[in-house]
Amino acid sequence: LLGRIYFHDPLLKRPGTLPQYVNNLV
């Protein structure tokens, strides 16, 4: 959900996701 909210790119067709290093950090 954090990836969807804070890493969403409207140009991409898929939902936003946390970058791997951010996901591992969180």
mmCIF file of all heavy atoms, coordinates in Angstrom:
data_MODEL
# 
_entry.id   MODEL 
# 
loop_
_atom_site.group_PDB 
_atom_site.id 
_atom_site.type_symbol 
_atom_site.label_atom_id 
_atom_site.label_alt_id 
_atom_site.label_comp_id 
_atom_site.label_asym_id 
_atom_site.label_entity_id 
_atom_site.label_seq_id 
_atom_site.pdbx_PDB_ins_code 
_atom_site.Cartn_x 
_atom_site.Cartn_y 
_atom_site.Cartn_z 
_atom_site.occupancy 
_atom_site.B_iso_or_equiv 
_atom_site.pdbx_formal_charge 
_atom_site.auth_seq_id 
_atom_site.auth_comp_id 
_atom_site.auth_asym_id 
_atom_site.auth_atom_id 
_atom_site.pdbx_PDB_model_num 
ATOM 1   N N   . LEU A 1 1  ? 0.832  -1.200 0.000   1.00 0.00 ? 1  LEU A N   1 
ATOM 2   C CA  . LEU A 1 1  ? 0.000  0.000  0.000   1.00 0.00 ? 1  LEU A CA  1 
ATOM 3   C C   . LEU A 1 1  ? 0.868  1.252  0.000   1.00 0.00 ? 1  LEU A C   1 
ATOM 4   O O   . LEU A 1 1  ? 0.563  2.238  -0.682  1.00 0.00 ? 1  LEU A O   1 
ATOM 5   C CB  . LEU A 1 1  ? -0.918 -0.008 1.222   1.00 0.00 ? 1  LEU A CB  1 
ATOM 6   C CG  . LEU A 1 1  ? -1.885 1.169  1.383   1.00 0.00 ? 1  LEU A CG  1 
ATOM 7   C CD1 . LEU A 1 1  ? -2.764 1.326  0.146   1.00 0.00 ? 1  LEU A CD1 1 
ATOM 8   C CD2 . LEU A 1 1  ? -2.740 0.978  2.630   1.00 0.00 ? 1  LEU A CD2 1 
ATOM 9   N N   . LEU A 1 2  ? 1.967  1.235  0.731   1.00 0.00 ? 2  LEU A N   1 
ATOM 10  C CA  . LEU A 1 2  ? 2.894  2.370  0.726   1.00 0.00 ? 2  LEU A CA  1 
ATOM 11  C C   . LEU A 1 2  ? 3.444  2.599  -0.680  1.00 0.00 ? 2  LEU A C   1 
ATOM 12  O O   . LEU A 1 2  ? 3.615  3.748  -1.108  1.00 0.00 ? 2  LEU A O   1 
ATOM 13  C CB  . LEU A 1 2  ? 4.044  2.104  1.705   1.00 0.00 ? 2  LEU A CB  1 
ATOM 14  C CG  . LEU A 1 2  ? 3.680  2.078  3.197   1.00 0.00 ? 2  LEU A CG  1 
ATOM 15  C CD1 . LEU A 1 2  ? 4.868  1.608  4.021   1.00 0.00 ? 2  LEU A CD1 1 
ATOM 16  C CD2 . LEU A 1 2  ? 3.224  3.450  3.661   1.00 0.00 ? 2  LEU A CD2 1 
ATOM 17  N N   . GLY A 1 3  ? 3.723  1.522  -1.394  1.00 0.00 ? 3  GLY A N   1 
ATOM 18  C CA  . GLY A 1 3  ? 4.197  1.665  -2.766  1.00 0.00 ? 3  GLY A CA  1 
ATOM 19  C C   . GLY A 1 3  ? 3.146  2.294  -3.662  1.00 0.00 ? 3  GLY A C   1 
ATOM 20  O O   . GLY A 1 3  ? 3.460  3.149  -4.509  1.00 0.00 ? 3  GLY A O   1 
ATOM 21  N N   . ARG A 1 4  ? 1.904  1.902  -3.489  1.00 0.00 ? 4  ARG A N   1 
ATOM 22  C CA  . ARG A 1 4  ? 0.818  2.464  -4.300  1.00 0.00 ? 4  ARG A CA  1 
ATOM 23  C C   . ARG A 1 4  ? 0.643  3.950  -4.031  1.00 0.00 ? 4  ARG A C   1 
ATOM 24  O O   . ARG A 1 4  ? 0.380  4.731  -4.952  1.00 0.00 ? 4  ARG A O   1 
ATOM 25  C CB  . ARG A 1 4  ? -0.480 1.732  -3.968  1.00 0.00 ? 4  ARG A CB  1 
ATOM 26  C CG  . ARG A 1 4  ? -0.544 0.305  -4.498  1.00 0.00 ? 4  ARG A CG  1 
ATOM 27  C CD  . ARG A 1 4  ? -1.919 0.048  -5.019  1.00 0.00 ? 4  ARG A CD  1 
ATOM 28  N NE  . ARG A 1 4  ? -2.142 -1.325 -5.425  1.00 0.00 ? 4  ARG A NE  1 
ATOM 29  C CZ  . ARG A 1 4  ? -3.043 -1.669 -6.323  1.00 0.00 ? 4  ARG A CZ  1 
ATOM 30  N NH1 . ARG A 1 4  ? -3.764 -0.734 -6.920  1.00 0.00 ? 4  ARG A NH1 1 
ATOM 31  N NH2 . ARG A 1 4  ? -3.220 -2.926 -6.642  1.00 0.00 ? 4  ARG A NH2 1 
ATOM 32  N N   . ILE A 1 5  ? 0.767  4.352  -2.767  1.00 0.00 ? 5  ILE A N   1 
ATOM 33  C CA  . ILE A 1 5  ? 0.506  5.749  -2.402  1.00 0.00 ? 5  ILE A CA  1 
ATOM 34  C C   . ILE A 1 5  ? 1.670  6.654  -2.785  1.00 0.00 ? 5  ILE A C   1 
ATOM 35  O O   . ILE A 1 5  ? 1.482  7.719  -3.386  1.00 0.00 ? 5  ILE A O   1 
ATOM 36  C CB  . ILE A 1 5  ? 0.224  5.863  -0.886  1.00 0.00 ? 5  ILE A CB  1 
ATOM 37  C CG1 . ILE A 1 5  ? -1.041 5.090  -0.515  1.00 0.00 ? 5  ILE A CG1 1 
ATOM 38  C CG2 . ILE A 1 5  ? 0.082  7.321  -0.467  1.00 0.00 ? 5  ILE A CG2 1 
ATOM 39  C CD1 . ILE A 1 5  ? -1.273 4.984  0.989   1.00 0.00 ? 5  ILE A CD1 1 
ATOM 40  N N   . TYR A 1 6  ? 2.887  6.227  -2.430  1.00 0.00 ? 6  TYR A N   1 
ATOM 41  C CA  . TYR A 1 6  ? 4.023  7.151  -2.506  1.00 0.00 ? 6  TYR A CA  1 
ATOM 42  C C   . TYR A 1 6  ? 4.952  6.914  -3.696  1.00 0.00 ? 6  TYR A C   1 
ATOM 43  O O   . TYR A 1 6  ? 5.859  7.711  -3.931  1.00 0.00 ? 6  TYR A O   1 
ATOM 44  C CB  . TYR A 1 6  ? 4.827  7.072  -1.200  1.00 0.00 ? 6  TYR A CB  1 
ATOM 45  C CG  . TYR A 1 6  ? 4.023  7.540  -0.006  1.00 0.00 ? 6  TYR A CG  1 
ATOM 46  C CD1 . TYR A 1 6  ? 3.524  6.637  0.925   1.00 0.00 ? 6  TYR A CD1 1 
ATOM 47  C CD2 . TYR A 1 6  ? 3.733  8.888  0.172   1.00 0.00 ? 6  TYR A CD2 1 
ATOM 48  C CE1 . TYR A 1 6  ? 2.772  7.059  2.013   1.00 0.00 ? 6  TYR A CE1 1 
ATOM 49  C CE2 . TYR A 1 6  ? 2.976  9.321  1.252   1.00 0.00 ? 6  TYR A CE2 1 
ATOM 50  C CZ  . TYR A 1 6  ? 2.503  8.401  2.158   1.00 0.00 ? 6  TYR A CZ  1 
ATOM 51  O OH  . TYR A 1 6  ? 1.748  8.836  3.231   1.00 0.00 ? 6  TYR A OH  1 
ATOM 52  N N   . PHE A 1 7  ? 4.759  5.839  -4.445  1.00 0.00 ? 7  PHE A N   1 
ATOM 53  C CA  . PHE A 1 7  ? 5.618  5.570  -5.599  1.00 0.00 ? 7  PHE A CA  1 
ATOM 54  C C   . PHE A 1 7  ? 4.789  5.291  -6.844  1.00 0.00 ? 7  PHE A C   1 
ATOM 55  O O   . PHE A 1 7  ? 5.198  4.526  -7.722  1.00 0.00 ? 7  PHE A O   1 
ATOM 56  C CB  . PHE A 1 7  ? 6.565  4.389  -5.291  1.00 0.00 ? 7  PHE A CB  1 
ATOM 57  C CG  . PHE A 1 7  ? 7.605  4.723  -4.267  1.00 0.00 ? 7  PHE A CG  1 
ATOM 58  C CD1 . PHE A 1 7  ? 7.323  4.607  -2.911  1.00 0.00 ? 7  PHE A CD1 1 
ATOM 59  C CD2 . PHE A 1 7  ? 8.864  5.169  -4.641  1.00 0.00 ? 7  PHE A CD2 1 
ATOM 60  C CE1 . PHE A 1 7  ? 8.271  4.926  -1.955  1.00 0.00 ? 7  PHE A CE1 1 
ATOM 61  C CE2 . PHE A 1 7  ? 9.820  5.491  -3.691  1.00 0.00 ? 7  PHE A CE2 1 
ATOM 62  C CZ  . PHE A 1 7  ? 9.527  5.364  -2.343  1.00 0.00 ? 7  PHE A CZ  1 
ATOM 63  N N   . HIS A 1 8  ? 3.642  5.933  -6.920  1.00 0.00 ? 8  HIS A N   1 
ATOM 64  C CA  . HIS A 1 8  ? 2.768  5.761  -8.075  1.00 0.00 ? 8  HIS A CA  1 
ATOM 65  C C   . HIS A 1 8  ? 3.196  6.679  -9.211  1.00 0.00 ? 8  HIS A C   1 
ATOM 66  O O   . HIS A 1 8  ? 3.392  7.880  -9.015  1.00 0.00 ? 8  HIS A O   1 
ATOM 67  C CB  . HIS A 1 8  ? 1.320  6.054  -7.692  1.00 0.00 ? 8  HIS A CB  1 
ATOM 68  C CG  . HIS A 1 8  ? 0.382  6.027  -8.866  1.00 0.00 ? 8  HIS A CG  1 
ATOM 69  N ND1 . HIS A 1 8  ? 0.136  4.875  -9.584  1.00 0.00 ? 8  HIS A ND1 1 
ATOM 70  C CD2 . HIS A 1 8  ? -0.361 7.015  -9.444  1.00 0.00 ? 8  HIS A CD2 1 
ATOM 71  C CE1 . HIS A 1 8  ? -0.714 5.148  -10.546 1.00 0.00 ? 8  HIS A CE1 1 
ATOM 72  N NE2 . HIS A 1 8  ? -1.028 6.431  -10.494 1.00 0.00 ? 8  HIS A NE2 1 
ATOM 73  N N   . ASP A 1 9  ? 3.356  6.115  -10.376 1.00 0.00 ? 9  ASP A N   1 
ATOM 74  C CA  . ASP A 1 9  ? 3.683  6.884  -11.578 1.00 0.00 ? 9  ASP A CA  1 
ATOM 75  C C   . ASP A 1 9  ? 2.481  6.803  -12.516 1.00 0.00 ? 9  ASP A C   1 
ATOM 76  O O   . ASP A 1 9  ? 2.166  5.728  -13.038 1.00 0.00 ? 9  ASP A O   1 
ATOM 77  C CB  . ASP A 1 9  ? 4.921  6.312  -12.262 1.00 0.00 ? 9  ASP A CB  1 
ATOM 78  C CG  . ASP A 1 9  ? 5.399  7.191  -13.419 1.00 0.00 ? 9  ASP A CG  1 
ATOM 79  O OD1 . ASP A 1 9  ? 4.591  8.014  -13.914 1.00 0.00 ? 9  ASP A OD1 1 
ATOM 80  O OD2 . ASP A 1 9  ? 6.563  7.036  -13.832 1.00 0.00 ? 9  ASP A OD2 1 
ATOM 81  N N   . PRO A 1 10 ? 1.776  7.922  -12.744 1.00 0.00 ? 10 PRO A N   1 
ATOM 82  C CA  . PRO A 1 10 ? 0.565  7.873  -13.570 1.00 0.00 ? 10 PRO A CA  1 
ATOM 83  C C   . PRO A 1 10 ? 0.823  7.449  -15.007 1.00 0.00 ? 10 PRO A C   1 
ATOM 84  O O   . PRO A 1 10 ? -0.103 7.047  -15.712 1.00 0.00 ? 10 PRO A O   1 
ATOM 85  C CB  . PRO A 1 10 ? 0.044  9.324  -13.504 1.00 0.00 ? 10 PRO A CB  1 
ATOM 86  C CG  . PRO A 1 10 ? 1.223  10.142 -13.102 1.00 0.00 ? 10 PRO A CG  1 
ATOM 87  C CD  . PRO A 1 10 ? 2.066  9.267  -12.240 1.00 0.00 ? 10 PRO A CD  1 
ATOM 88  N N   . LEU A 1 11 ? 2.092  7.508  -15.467 1.00 0.00 ? 11 LEU A N   1 
ATOM 89  C CA  . LEU A 1 11 ? 2.400  7.107  -16.838 1.00 0.00 ? 11 LEU A CA  1 
ATOM 90  C C   . LEU A 1 11 ? 2.472  5.586  -16.993 1.00 0.00 ? 11 LEU A C   1 
ATOM 91  O O   . LEU A 1 11 ? 2.399  5.078  -18.097 1.00 0.00 ? 11 LEU A O   1 
ATOM 92  C CB  . LEU A 1 11 ? 3.735  7.734  -17.288 1.00 0.00 ? 11 LEU A CB  1 
ATOM 93  C CG  . LEU A 1 11 ? 3.764  9.269  -17.331 1.00 0.00 ? 11 LEU A CG  1 
ATOM 94  C CD1 . LEU A 1 11 ? 5.143  9.748  -17.755 1.00 0.00 ? 11 LEU A CD1 1 
ATOM 95  C CD2 . LEU A 1 11 ? 2.696  9.799  -18.287 1.00 0.00 ? 11 LEU A CD2 1 
ATOM 96  N N   . LEU A 1 12 ? 2.654  4.895  -15.836 1.00 0.00 ? 12 LEU A N   1 
ATOM 97  C CA  . LEU A 1 12 ? 2.724  3.442  -15.886 1.00 0.00 ? 12 LEU A CA  1 
ATOM 98  C C   . LEU A 1 12 ? 1.331  2.843  -15.763 1.00 0.00 ? 12 LEU A C   1 
ATOM 99  O O   . LEU A 1 12 ? 0.464  3.376  -15.081 1.00 0.00 ? 12 LEU A O   1 
ATOM 100 C CB  . LEU A 1 12 ? 3.614  2.918  -14.743 1.00 0.00 ? 12 LEU A CB  1 
ATOM 101 C CG  . LEU A 1 12 ? 5.091  3.330  -14.777 1.00 0.00 ? 12 LEU A CG  1 
ATOM 102 C CD1 . LEU A 1 12 ? 5.816  2.798  -13.550 1.00 0.00 ? 12 LEU A CD1 1 
ATOM 103 C CD2 . LEU A 1 12 ? 5.770  2.822  -16.048 1.00 0.00 ? 12 LEU A CD2 1 
ATOM 104 N N   . LYS A 1 13 ? 1.125  1.745  -16.434 1.00 0.00 ? 13 LYS A N   1 
ATOM 105 C CA  . LYS A 1 13 ? -0.179 1.101  -16.390 1.00 0.00 ? 13 LYS A CA  1 
ATOM 106 C C   . LYS A 1 13 ? -0.366 0.265  -15.128 1.00 0.00 ? 13 LYS A C   1 
ATOM 107 O O   . LYS A 1 13 ? -1.477 0.044  -14.687 1.00 0.00 ? 13 LYS A O   1 
ATOM 108 C CB  . LYS A 1 13 ? -0.369 0.221  -17.634 1.00 0.00 ? 13 LYS A CB  1 
ATOM 109 C CG  . LYS A 1 13 ? -0.430 1.010  -18.932 1.00 0.00 ? 13 LYS A CG  1 
ATOM 110 C CD  . LYS A 1 13 ? -0.671 0.083  -20.123 1.00 0.00 ? 13 LYS A CD  1 
ATOM 111 C CE  . LYS A 1 13 ? -0.739 0.890  -21.408 1.00 0.00 ? 13 LYS A CE  1 
ATOM 112 N NZ  . LYS A 1 13 ? -0.989 0.004  -22.583 1.00 0.00 ? 13 LYS A NZ  1 
ATOM 113 N N   . ARG A 1 14 ? 0.764  -0.209 -14.556 1.00 0.00 ? 14 ARG A N   1 
ATOM 114 C CA  . ARG A 1 14 ? 0.661  -1.028 -13.340 1.00 0.00 ? 14 ARG A CA  1 
ATOM 115 C C   . ARG A 1 14 ? 0.697  -0.138 -12.099 1.00 0.00 ? 14 ARG A C   1 
ATOM 116 O O   . ARG A 1 14 ? 1.224  0.968  -12.135 1.00 0.00 ? 14 ARG A O   1 
ATOM 117 C CB  . ARG A 1 14 ? 1.806  -2.050 -13.278 1.00 0.00 ? 14 ARG A CB  1 
ATOM 118 C CG  . ARG A 1 14 ? 1.732  -3.100 -14.377 1.00 0.00 ? 14 ARG A CG  1 
ATOM 119 C CD  . ARG A 1 14 ? 2.789  -4.176 -14.164 1.00 0.00 ? 14 ARG A CD  1 
ATOM 120 N NE  . ARG A 1 14 ? 2.577  -4.927 -12.933 1.00 0.00 ? 14 ARG A NE  1 
ATOM 121 C CZ  . ARG A 1 14 ? 1.752  -5.966 -12.827 1.00 0.00 ? 14 ARG A CZ  1 
ATOM 122 N NH1 . ARG A 1 14 ? 1.052  -6.367 -13.881 1.00 0.00 ? 14 ARG A NH1 1 
ATOM 123 N NH2 . ARG A 1 14 ? 1.622  -6.610 -11.692 1.00 0.00 ? 14 ARG A NH2 1 
ATOM 124 N N   . PRO A 1 15 ? 0.140  -0.637 -10.980 1.00 0.00 ? 15 PRO A N   1 
ATOM 125 C CA  . PRO A 1 15 ? 0.176  0.141  -9.739  1.00 0.00 ? 15 PRO A CA  1 
ATOM 126 C C   . PRO A 1 15 ? 1.603  0.396  -9.279  1.00 0.00 ? 15 PRO A C   1 
ATOM 127 O O   . PRO A 1 15 ? 2.523  -0.370 -9.592  1.00 0.00 ? 15 PRO A O   1 
ATOM 128 C CB  . PRO A 1 15 ? -0.573 -0.752 -8.741  1.00 0.00 ? 15 PRO A CB  1 
ATOM 129 C CG  . PRO A 1 15 ? -1.353 -1.704 -9.576  1.00 0.00 ? 15 PRO A CG  1 
ATOM 130 C CD  . PRO A 1 15 ? -0.572 -1.903 -10.835 1.00 0.00 ? 15 PRO A CD  1 
ATOM 131 N N   . GLY A 1 16 ? 1.787  1.465  -8.515  1.00 0.00 ? 16 GLY A N   1 
ATOM 132 C CA  . GLY A 1 16 ? 3.100  1.776  -7.986  1.00 0.00 ? 16 GLY A CA  1 
ATOM 133 C C   . GLY A 1 16 ? 3.553  0.740  -6.965  1.00 0.00 ? 16 GLY A C   1 
ATOM 134 O O   . GLY A 1 16 ? 2.745  0.150  -6.252  1.00 0.00 ? 16 GLY A O   1 
ATOM 135 N N   . THR A 1 17 ? 4.852  0.498  -6.913  1.00 0.00 ? 17 THR A N   1 
ATOM 136 C CA  . THR A 1 17 ? 5.420  -0.451 -5.951  1.00 0.00 ? 17 THR A CA  1 
ATOM 137 C C   . THR A 1 17 ? 6.645  0.177  -5.304  1.00 0.00 ? 17 THR A C   1 
ATOM 138 O O   . THR A 1 17 ? 7.305  1.042  -5.900  1.00 0.00 ? 17 THR A O   1 
ATOM 139 C CB  . THR A 1 17 ? 5.830  -1.773 -6.620  1.00 0.00 ? 17 THR A CB  1 
ATOM 140 O OG1 . THR A 1 17 ? 6.804  -1.493 -7.645  1.00 0.00 ? 17 THR A OG1 1 
ATOM 141 C CG2 . THR A 1 17 ? 4.632  -2.470 -7.237  1.00 0.00 ? 17 THR A CG2 1 
ATOM 142 N N   . LEU A 1 18 ? 6.950  -0.276 -4.104  1.00 0.00 ? 18 LEU A N   1 
ATOM 143 C CA  . LEU A 1 18 ? 8.173  0.174  -3.454  1.00 0.00 ? 18 LEU A CA  1 
ATOM 144 C C   . LEU A 1 18 ? 9.374  -0.377 -4.205  1.00 0.00 ? 18 LEU A C   1 
ATOM 145 O O   . LEU A 1 18 ? 9.404  -1.573 -4.534  1.00 0.00 ? 18 LEU A O   1 
ATOM 146 C CB  . LEU A 1 18 ? 8.220  -0.322 -2.005  1.00 0.00 ? 18 LEU A CB  1 
ATOM 147 C CG  . LEU A 1 18 ? 7.244  0.297  -1.003  1.00 0.00 ? 18 LEU A CG  1 
ATOM 148 C CD1 . LEU A 1 18 ? 7.387  -0.401 0.348   1.00 0.00 ? 18 LEU A CD1 1 
ATOM 149 C CD2 . LEU A 1 18 ? 7.458  1.787  -0.853  1.00 0.00 ? 18 LEU A CD2 1 
ATOM 150 N N   . PRO A 1 19 ? 10.373 0.452  -4.510  1.00 0.00 ? 19 PRO A N   1 
ATOM 151 C CA  . PRO A 1 19 ? 11.615 -0.100 -5.057  1.00 0.00 ? 19 PRO A CA  1 
ATOM 152 C C   . PRO A 1 19 ? 12.163 -1.172 -4.124  1.00 0.00 ? 19 PRO A C   1 
ATOM 153 O O   . PRO A 1 19 ? 11.933 -1.124 -2.913  1.00 0.00 ? 19 PRO A O   1 
ATOM 154 C CB  . PRO A 1 19 ? 12.539 1.129  -5.125  1.00 0.00 ? 19 PRO A CB  1 
ATOM 155 C CG  . PRO A 1 19 ? 11.616 2.299  -5.165  1.00 0.00 ? 19 PRO A CG  1 
ATOM 156 C CD  . PRO A 1 19 ? 10.417 1.915  -4.363  1.00 0.00 ? 19 PRO A CD  1 
ATOM 157 N N   . GLN A 1 20 ? 12.900 -2.124 -4.684  1.00 0.00 ? 20 GLN A N   1 
ATOM 158 C CA  . GLN A 1 20 ? 13.361 -3.265 -3.883  1.00 0.00 ? 20 GLN A CA  1 
ATOM 159 C C   . GLN A 1 20 ? 14.131 -2.812 -2.649  1.00 0.00 ? 20 GLN A C   1 
ATOM 160 O O   . GLN A 1 20 ? 13.916 -3.327 -1.540  1.00 0.00 ? 20 GLN A O   1 
ATOM 161 C CB  . GLN A 1 20 ? 14.241 -4.174 -4.745  1.00 0.00 ? 20 GLN A CB  1 
ATOM 162 C CG  . GLN A 1 20 ? 14.698 -5.449 -4.049  1.00 0.00 ? 20 GLN A CG  1 
ATOM 163 C CD  . GLN A 1 20 ? 13.569 -6.395 -3.736  1.00 0.00 ? 20 GLN A CD  1 
ATOM 164 O OE1 . GLN A 1 20 ? 12.726 -6.637 -4.579  1.00 0.00 ? 20 GLN A OE1 1 
ATOM 165 N NE2 . GLN A 1 20 ? 13.529 -6.928 -2.524  1.00 0.00 ? 20 GLN A NE2 1 
ATOM 166 N N   . TYR A 1 21 ? 15.035 -1.839 -2.801  1.00 0.00 ? 21 TYR A N   1 
ATOM 167 C CA  . TYR A 1 21 ? 15.842 -1.419 -1.658  1.00 0.00 ? 21 TYR A CA  1 
ATOM 168 C C   . TYR A 1 21 ? 14.988 -0.708 -0.608  1.00 0.00 ? 21 TYR A C   1 
ATOM 169 O O   . TYR A 1 21 ? 15.234 -0.836 0.603   1.00 0.00 ? 21 TYR A O   1 
ATOM 170 C CB  . TYR A 1 21 ? 17.003 -0.524 -2.111  1.00 0.00 ? 21 TYR A CB  1 
ATOM 171 C CG  . TYR A 1 21 ? 16.609 0.883  -2.496  1.00 0.00 ? 21 TYR A CG  1 
ATOM 172 C CD1 . TYR A 1 21 ? 16.667 1.930  -1.576  1.00 0.00 ? 21 TYR A CD1 1 
ATOM 173 C CD2 . TYR A 1 21 ? 16.184 1.186  -3.793  1.00 0.00 ? 21 TYR A CD2 1 
ATOM 174 C CE1 . TYR A 1 21 ? 16.307 3.219  -1.929  1.00 0.00 ? 21 TYR A CE1 1 
ATOM 175 C CE2 . TYR A 1 21 ? 15.820 2.460  -4.147  1.00 0.00 ? 21 TYR A CE2 1 
ATOM 176 C CZ  . TYR A 1 21 ? 15.884 3.478  -3.219  1.00 0.00 ? 21 TYR A CZ  1 
ATOM 177 O OH  . TYR A 1 21 ? 15.519 4.762  -3.567  1.00 0.00 ? 21 TYR A OH  1 
ATOM 178 N N   . VAL A 1 22 ? 13.952 0.020  -1.052  1.00 0.00 ? 22 VAL A N   1 
ATOM 179 C CA  . VAL A 1 22 ? 13.056 0.682  -0.101  1.00 0.00 ? 22 VAL A CA  1 
ATOM 180 C C   . VAL A 1 22 ? 12.195 -0.354 0.621   1.00 0.00 ? 22 VAL A C   1 
ATOM 181 O O   . VAL A 1 22 ? 11.990 -0.281 1.839   1.00 0.00 ? 22 VAL A O   1 
ATOM 182 C CB  . VAL A 1 22 ? 12.163 1.717  -0.808  1.00 0.00 ? 22 VAL A CB  1 
ATOM 183 C CG1 . VAL A 1 22 ? 11.162 2.335  0.179   1.00 0.00 ? 22 VAL A CG1 1 
ATOM 184 C CG2 . VAL A 1 22 ? 13.017 2.805  -1.440  1.00 0.00 ? 22 VAL A CG2 1 
ATOM 185 N N   . ASN A 1 23 ? 11.720 -1.345 -0.129  1.00 0.00 ? 23 ASN A N   1 
ATOM 186 C CA  . ASN A 1 23 ? 10.914 -2.399 0.489   1.00 0.00 ? 23 ASN A CA  1 
ATOM 187 C C   . ASN A 1 23 ? 11.720 -3.153 1.542   1.00 0.00 ? 23 ASN A C   1 
ATOM 188 O O   . ASN A 1 23 ? 11.228 -3.420 2.644   1.00 0.00 ? 23 ASN A O   1 
ATOM 189 C CB  . ASN A 1 23 ? 10.427 -3.373 -0.583  1.00 0.00 ? 23 ASN A CB  1 
ATOM 190 C CG  . ASN A 1 23 ? 9.589  -4.498 -0.010  1.00 0.00 ? 23 ASN A CG  1 
ATOM 191 O OD1 . ASN A 1 23 ? 8.448  -4.315 0.398   1.00 0.00 ? 23 ASN A OD1 1 
ATOM 192 N ND2 . ASN A 1 23 ? 10.160 -5.691 0.040   1.00 0.00 ? 23 ASN A ND2 1 
ATOM 193 N N   . ASN A 1 24 ? 12.970 -3.476 1.215   1.00 0.00 ? 24 ASN A N   1 
ATOM 194 C CA  . ASN A 1 24 ? 13.819 -4.176 2.177   1.00 0.00 ? 24 ASN A CA  1 
ATOM 195 C C   . ASN A 1 24 ? 14.115 -3.312 3.394   1.00 0.00 ? 24 ASN A C   1 
ATOM 196 O O   . ASN A 1 24 ? 14.194 -3.805 4.518   1.00 0.00 ? 24 ASN A O   1 
ATOM 197 C CB  . ASN A 1 24 ? 15.125 -4.613 1.518   1.00 0.00 ? 24 ASN A CB  1 
ATOM 198 C CG  . ASN A 1 24 ? 14.914 -5.745 0.535   1.00 0.00 ? 24 ASN A CG  1 
ATOM 199 O OD1 . ASN A 1 24 ? 13.905 -6.431 0.561   1.00 0.00 ? 24 ASN A OD1 1 
ATOM 200 N ND2 . ASN A 1 24 ? 15.873 -5.925 -0.365  1.00 0.00 ? 24 ASN A ND2 1 
ATOM 201 N N   . LEU A 1 25 ? 14.265 -1.995 3.163   1.00 0.00 ? 25 LEU A N   1 
ATOM 202 C CA  . LEU A 1 25 ? 14.534 -1.084 4.272   1.00 0.00 ? 25 LEU A CA  1 
ATOM 203 C C   . LEU A 1 25 ? 13.320 -0.975 5.190   1.00 0.00 ? 25 LEU A C   1 
ATOM 204 O O   . LEU A 1 25 ? 13.435 -1.092 6.415   1.00 0.00 ? 25 LEU A O   1 
ATOM 205 C CB  . LEU A 1 25 ? 14.904 0.299  3.732   1.00 0.00 ? 25 LEU A CB  1 
ATOM 206 C CG  . LEU A 1 25 ? 15.348 1.352  4.753   1.00 0.00 ? 25 LEU A CG  1 
ATOM 207 C CD1 . LEU A 1 25 ? 16.623 0.897  5.452   1.00 0.00 ? 25 LEU A CD1 1 
ATOM 208 C CD2 . LEU A 1 25 ? 15.579 2.699  4.068   1.00 0.00 ? 25 LEU A CD2 1 
ATOM 209 N N   . VAL A 1 26 ? 12.151 -0.759 4.600   1.00 0.00 ? 26 VAL A N   1 
ATOM 210 C CA  . VAL A 1 26 ? 10.922 -0.639 5.390   1.00 0.00 ? 26 VAL A CA  1 
ATOM 211 C C   . VAL A 1 26 ? 10.647 -1.932 6.158   1.00 0.00 ? 26 VAL A C   1 
ATOM 212 O O   . VAL A 1 26 ? 10.253 -1.907 7.326   1.00 0.00 ? 26 VAL A O   1 
ATOM 213 C CB  . VAL A 1 26 ? 9.727  -0.286 4.479   1.00 0.00 ? 26 VAL A CB  1 
ATOM 214 C CG1 . VAL A 1 26 ? 8.407  -0.416 5.231   1.00 0.00 ? 26 VAL A CG1 1 
ATOM 215 C CG2 . VAL A 1 26 ? 9.876  1.133  3.938   1.00 0.00 ? 26 VAL A CG2 1 
# 
